[in-house]
Protein backbone atom coordinates (compact mmCIF):
# COMPACT_ATOMS: atom_id res chain seq x y z
CA ALA A 1 0.35 0.39 0.15
CA GLY A 2 1.02 3.49 -0.69
CA CYS A 3 2.16 5.02 -3.97
CA GLY A 4 3.11 8.00 -5.72
CA GLY A 5 6.55 7.24 -4.99
CA ASP A 6 7.37 3.81 -3.35
CA LEU A 7 5.16 1.14 -3.59
CA PHE A 8 5.41 -1.23 0.19
CA ARG A 9 4.44 -5.28 0.09
CA SER A 10 3.35 -6.98 3.29
CA ASP A 11 3.24 -11.08 3.38
CA ASP A 12 1.93 -11.26 6.79
CA ASP A 13 -1.09 -9.47 6.70
CA GLY A 14 0.12 -5.77 7.06
CA ALA A 15 2.76 -6.57 10.52
CA THR A 16 5.76 -5.90 8.48
CA TRP A 17 6.56 -4.05 5.42
CA GLN A 18 8.94 -4.26 2.43
CA PRO A 19 9.94 -1.79 -0.48
CA GLN A 20 8.30 -3.56 -3.96
CA ALA A 21 8.80 -0.66 -5.87
CA HIS A 22 8.87 2.78 -7.56
CA VAL A 23 5.80 3.55 -9.53
CA GLY A 24 6.15 7.49 -10.48
CA ASP A 25 5.35 10.39 -9.55
CA THR A 26 1.29 11.04 -8.95
CA GLY A 27 1.00 13.58 -6.56
CA GLY A 28 -1.23 14.16 -3.58
CA HIS A 29 -3.83 12.52 -2.96
CA MET A 30 -2.91 8.89 -3.89
CA ALA A 31 -5.20 5.65 -4.97
CA LEU A 32 -4.23 2.20 -6.13
CA ALA A 33 -6.47 -0.19 -7.96
CA TYR A 34 -6.31 -3.84 -8.69
CA ARG A 35 -9.04 -4.85 -11.32
CA GLY A 36 -8.51 -7.35 -14.41
CA ASP A 37 -5.53 -8.62 -13.82
CA ARG A 38 -3.88 -4.86 -13.34
CA PHE A 39 -2.49 -2.37 -10.98
CA VAL A 40 -3.07 0.93 -11.48
CA CYS A 41 -1.81 4.24 -9.58
CA PHE A 42 -2.88 7.86 -10.25
CA GLY A 43 -3.11 11.23 -7.77
CA ASP A 44 -3.31 14.59 -8.22
CA SER A 45 -0.58 15.36 -10.86
CA GLY A 46 -2.74 14.03 -13.30
CA VAL A 47 -0.26 11.43 -14.34
CA SER A 48 -1.17 7.15 -13.91
CA PHE A 49 0.65 4.09 -14.24
CA GLY A 50 0.05 0.80 -14.37
CA SER A 51 1.46 -2.37 -14.05
CA SER A 52 1.26 -6.05 -14.47
CA ASP A 53 3.43 -7.42 -11.56
CA GLY A 54 3.21 -4.49 -8.84
CA ALA A 55 7.09 -4.32 -9.70
CA SER A 56 7.50 -2.63 -12.88
CA TRP A 57 5.84 0.06 -13.99
CA GLN A 58 4.47 2.54 -17.09
CA GLU A 59 2.79 5.25 -17.30
CA LEU A 60 -0.41 5.84 -18.81
CA PRO A 61 -1.09 8.52 -21.65
CA GLY A 62 -4.61 9.66 -21.51
CA LEU A 63 -5.91 8.33 -18.73
CA VAL A 64 -6.74 10.69 -15.58
CA HIS A 65 -7.72 9.37 -12.18
CA PRO A 66 -8.56 6.18 -13.86
CA THR A 67 -10.81 3.92 -13.05
CA TYR A 68 -12.37 0.10 -13.87
CA CYS A 69 -15.37 0.54 -16.22
CA GLU A 70 -17.04 -1.92 -18.62
CA GLY A 71 -14.43 -4.42 -18.35
CA ARG A 72 -11.13 -2.66 -18.59
CA PHE A 73 -9.88 0.52 -16.69
CA GLN A 74 -10.79 3.76 -18.47
CA SER A 75 -10.45 7.72 -17.59
CA GLU A 76 -12.92 8.51 -14.33
CA HIS A 77 -15.23 10.95 -17.18
CA ASP A 78 -15.72 8.21 -19.46
CA CYS A 79 -17.20 6.34 -16.32
CA HIS A 80 -19.50 8.77 -15.62
CA ASP A 81 -17.42 9.37 -12.32
CA ALA A 82 -18.23 6.34 -10.99
CA GLY A 83 -16.50 2.70 -10.60
CA TRP A 84 -18.38 -0.44 -12.46
CA PHE A 85 -19.11 -3.81 -10.82
CA ASP A 86 -20.97 -6.43 -12.11
CA GLY A 87 -23.04 -4.15 -13.94
CA LEU A 88 -23.56 -1.64 -11.83
CA TYR A 89 -22.03 1.96 -11.37
CA LEU A 90 -21.71 3.14 -7.79
CA ARG A 91 -20.13 6.75 -7.22
CA PRO A 92 -19.69 7.58 -3.64
CA GLU A 93 -21.21 10.77 -2.49
CA TRP A 94 -19.46 13.48 -0.34
CA GLY A 95 -21.26 12.88 3.52
CA GLY A 96 -21.01 9.13 3.41
CA GLY A 97 -23.53 8.67 0.53
CA ILE A 98 -22.93 5.65 -2.51
CA LEU A 99 -24.93 6.45 -5.18
CA ARG A 100 -25.98 3.61 -7.71
CA SER A 101 -27.08 3.44 -11.65
CA SER A 102 -27.35 0.36 -13.59
CA ASP A 103 -26.94 2.80 -16.93
CA GLY A 104 -24.63 5.14 -16.16
CA SER A 105 -26.53 8.01 -16.57
CA LYS A 106 -29.58 8.25 -13.64
CA PHE A 107 -27.99 7.29 -10.16
CA GLU A 108 -29.86 6.57 -7.05
CA ARG A 109 -28.47 6.77 -3.54
CA ALA A 110 -27.96 2.87 -2.55
CA TYR A 111 -26.66 3.92 0.68
CA LEU A 112 -25.90 6.88 3.47
CA ASP A 113 -23.05 6.22 6.39
CA ASP A 114 -24.87 7.59 9.65
CA GLN A 115 -21.24 8.69 10.49
CA PHE A 116 -21.20 10.36 7.16
CA ASN A 117 -18.03 8.58 6.07
CA THR A 118 -17.21 9.29 3.27
CA VAL A 119 -15.42 7.26 0.40
CA TYR A 120 -13.25 8.83 -1.23
CA ASN A 121 -12.64 7.68 -4.51
CA GLY A 122 -14.88 4.64 -6.49
CA ASN A 123 -11.89 2.57 -6.74
CA ALA A 124 -12.52 1.75 -3.15
CA PHE A 125 -15.53 -0.50 -3.97
CA ALA A 126 -15.18 -4.14 -5.49
CA VAL A 127 -16.99 -7.38 -5.82
CA GLY A 128 -18.24 -7.96 -1.83
CA LEU A 129 -16.03 -5.94 -0.17
CA VAL A 130 -16.13 -1.68 -0.07
CA ALA A 131 -12.53 -0.43 1.59
CA ALA A 132 -11.54 3.14 2.46
CA VAL A 133 -8.38 5.04 3.06
CA ASP A 134 -7.03 8.16 5.15
CA ASP A 135 -4.88 9.80 3.98
CA GLY A 136 -4.68 12.83 6.75
CA ALA A 137 -5.59 15.02 4.06
CA PRO A 138 -7.85 17.85 5.64
């Protein structure tokens, strides 16, 4: 976990971490996603990087804040500003909401967290799992 410079790996459920690879400069608010046998890393710089093994990384020209949609990574804008999982688009909403759509055009609230915890990025969604990371940013 970690992105935008050095990527670290844990083989013991997060108890210890070892350097894995240098990714590249993604800027702040870094995100790391894995879908379709591919890792993608991006952040505020607008530069995205991809890897099939997590060790060697290549710049992904033209992909801005990529998200997985319709079977491949695309720029978030091209995926209706949402992540896509098993035929549903999921979009985080500030204040703890999660919006859902079957066609990417009409979104309805599917969930509102009673503690107002916001999922920062649609890449945090995965089949059977929702994960969030606090990077300390205000």
